[in-house]
């Protein structure tokens, strides 16, 4: 049984502007913003504006625009942080590690020999997120 989408989830609130975020990209279908509990420098989240819990219940028409932006953001974060690579992560339901039930993709710049930080629940300083968002926006614009 697929559970119903909860429009009160934190990402839905971010989309509606009820909770502030450090947005790096937005178009009619997709938004990308800094993860406030990053597992690495430049950790960015990309999500569709269309409501769905995850990939299991999303309208297939969502995936084209979503993954086009995931690619665009991945290229930008790699450039912005001079990263060696990029990890993409997408979780579906609690057994997979999903904690926010709005479809989203994690885009994390990676560096040789540097492990991901654990998802500890510790929030990054807003000024660090703002600085990292500026770097990604600059990379997207170039």
Protein backbone atom coordinates (compact mmCIF):
# COMPACT_ATOMS: atom_id res chain seq x y z
CA UNK A 1 0.00 0.00 0.00
CA UNK A 2 1.36 3.42 -0.97
CA UNK A 3 0.92 6.05 1.70
CA UNK A 4 -0.58 9.41 0.82
CA UNK A 5 1.62 12.45 0.21
CA UNK A 6 1.68 14.78 3.23
CA UNK A 7 1.61 18.44 2.09
CA UNK A 8 2.86 19.38 5.57
CA UNK A 9 6.30 17.84 5.04
CA UNK A 10 9.31 20.13 5.44
CA UNK A 11 10.19 20.16 1.72
CA UNK A 12 6.62 21.14 0.78
CA UNK A 13 6.94 23.99 3.27
CA UNK A 14 10.25 25.02 1.67
CA UNK A 15 8.58 24.98 -1.76
CA UNK A 16 5.81 27.24 -0.46
CA UNK A 17 8.34 29.61 1.12
CA UNK A 18 7.14 28.87 4.65
CA UNK A 19 10.65 27.75 5.65
CA UNK A 20 13.72 29.57 4.33
CA UNK A 21 16.25 27.79 2.14
CA UNK A 22 19.43 28.59 0.24
CA UNK A 23 18.16 28.01 -3.30
CA UNK A 24 20.68 27.56 -6.06
CA UNK A 25 18.32 26.82 -8.97
CA UNK A 26 14.61 27.04 -9.75
CA UNK A 27 12.43 26.66 -12.81
CA UNK A 28 8.75 25.86 -13.37
CA UNK A 29 9.15 22.20 -12.40
CA UNK A 30 12.22 21.83 -10.16
CA UNK A 31 14.03 23.53 -7.30
CA UNK A 32 17.54 22.91 -5.92
CA UNK A 33 18.76 24.11 -2.54
CA UNK A 34 21.48 23.47 0.03
CA UNK A 35 21.01 20.57 2.45
CA UNK A 36 21.05 22.10 5.94
CA UNK A 37 22.57 18.90 7.33
CA UNK A 38 25.20 18.26 4.67
CA UNK A 39 27.18 15.05 4.42
CA UNK A 40 29.86 16.95 2.53
CA UNK A 41 30.73 20.48 1.41
CA UNK A 42 28.28 21.60 -1.26
CA UNK A 43 25.63 18.93 -0.54
CA UNK A 44 22.63 20.04 -2.58
CA UNK A 45 19.07 18.69 -2.82
CA UNK A 46 17.13 18.69 -6.08
CA UNK A 47 13.38 18.08 -6.03
CA UNK A 48 10.37 18.41 -8.27
CA UNK A 49 7.69 20.91 -7.38
CA UNK A 50 5.06 18.28 -8.15
CA UNK A 51 4.02 16.44 -4.98
CA UNK A 52 5.03 12.81 -4.51
CA UNK A 53 6.48 10.88 -1.59
CA UNK A 54 9.28 9.38 -3.66
CA UNK A 55 10.07 7.61 -6.94
CA UNK A 56 7.50 4.89 -6.18
CA UNK A 57 4.46 7.16 -6.52
CA UNK A 58 5.76 10.00 -8.73
CA UNK A 59 4.22 10.76 -12.09
CA UNK A 60 6.74 9.47 -14.66
CA UNK A 61 6.54 12.86 -16.43
CA UNK A 62 8.35 14.29 -13.37
CA UNK A 63 11.58 12.41 -14.05
CA UNK A 64 12.72 14.13 -17.25
CA UNK A 65 12.74 17.66 -15.84
CA UNK A 66 14.01 16.45 -12.44
CA UNK A 67 16.99 14.51 -13.76
CA UNK A 68 17.89 17.20 -16.30
CA UNK A 69 18.33 19.55 -13.34
CA UNK A 70 20.11 16.87 -11.28
CA UNK A 71 22.68 16.64 -14.08
CA UNK A 72 22.98 20.44 -14.34
CA UNK A 73 23.49 20.77 -10.57
CA UNK A 74 25.95 17.84 -10.49
CA UNK A 75 28.12 19.52 -13.13
CA UNK A 76 27.90 22.84 -11.24
CA UNK A 77 28.81 21.43 -7.81
CA UNK A 78 31.74 19.52 -9.27
CA UNK A 79 33.00 22.75 -10.84
CA UNK A 80 32.15 25.01 -7.87
CA UNK A 81 34.10 22.92 -5.38
CA UNK A 82 36.75 21.54 -7.75
CA UNK A 83 35.54 18.08 -6.73
CA UNK A 84 36.97 14.80 -7.96
CA UNK A 85 33.49 13.35 -8.47
CA UNK A 86 29.84 13.59 -7.50
CA UNK A 87 27.63 11.16 -5.57
CA UNK A 88 23.89 11.06 -6.30
CA UNK A 89 21.58 9.48 -3.73
CA UNK A 90 17.83 8.97 -3.79
CA UNK A 91 15.95 7.08 -1.05
CA UNK A 92 12.47 5.51 -1.12
CA UNK A 93 10.61 4.79 2.13
CA UNK A 94 12.04 4.46 5.62
CA UNK A 95 13.73 1.09 5.07
CA UNK A 96 15.98 2.79 2.49
CA UNK A 97 16.84 5.72 4.75
CA UNK A 98 14.28 8.23 3.48
CA UNK A 99 13.38 10.72 6.22
CA UNK A 100 11.56 13.46 4.28
CA UNK A 101 8.67 12.19 2.18
CA UNK A 102 8.91 14.45 -0.86
CA UNK A 103 10.83 13.05 -3.84
CA UNK A 104 14.37 14.47 -3.85
CA UNK A 105 17.86 13.66 -5.05
CA UNK A 106 21.02 14.34 -3.05
CA UNK A 107 23.93 15.75 -5.07
CA UNK A 108 27.19 15.63 -3.11
CA UNK A 109 30.59 16.74 -4.44
CA UNK A 110 33.21 14.12 -3.58
CA UNK A 111 36.94 14.28 -2.99
CA UNK A 112 39.44 11.42 -3.17
CA UNK A 113 40.07 10.00 0.31
CA UNK A 114 37.35 12.10 2.03
CA UNK A 115 34.43 10.03 3.35
CA UNK A 116 30.90 11.36 3.60
CA UNK A 117 30.00 12.73 7.00
CA UNK A 118 27.25 10.82 8.80
CA UNK A 119 23.72 12.21 8.57
CA UNK A 120 23.87 13.30 12.20
CA UNK A 121 21.12 15.88 12.35
CA UNK A 122 23.65 18.64 13.03
CA UNK A 123 22.81 21.77 11.03
CA UNK A 124 25.45 23.68 9.09
CA UNK A 125 25.97 27.38 9.85
CA UNK A 126 23.74 29.57 7.64
CA UNK A 127 26.70 31.65 6.48
CA UNK A 128 28.49 28.50 5.23
CA UNK A 129 25.36 27.40 3.37
CA UNK A 130 25.00 30.88 1.85
CA UNK A 131 28.64 30.90 0.72
CA UNK A 132 28.34 27.43 -0.81
CA UNK A 133 25.08 28.40 -2.54
CA UNK A 134 26.82 31.44 -4.05
CA UNK A 135 29.58 29.19 -5.44
CA UNK A 136 27.04 26.85 -7.04
CA UNK A 137 24.96 29.71 -8.50
CA UNK A 138 28.16 31.16 -10.00
CA UNK A 139 29.05 27.80 -11.53
CA UNK A 140 25.53 27.45 -12.94
CA UNK A 141 25.78 30.91 -14.50
CA UNK A 142 29.13 30.25 -16.19
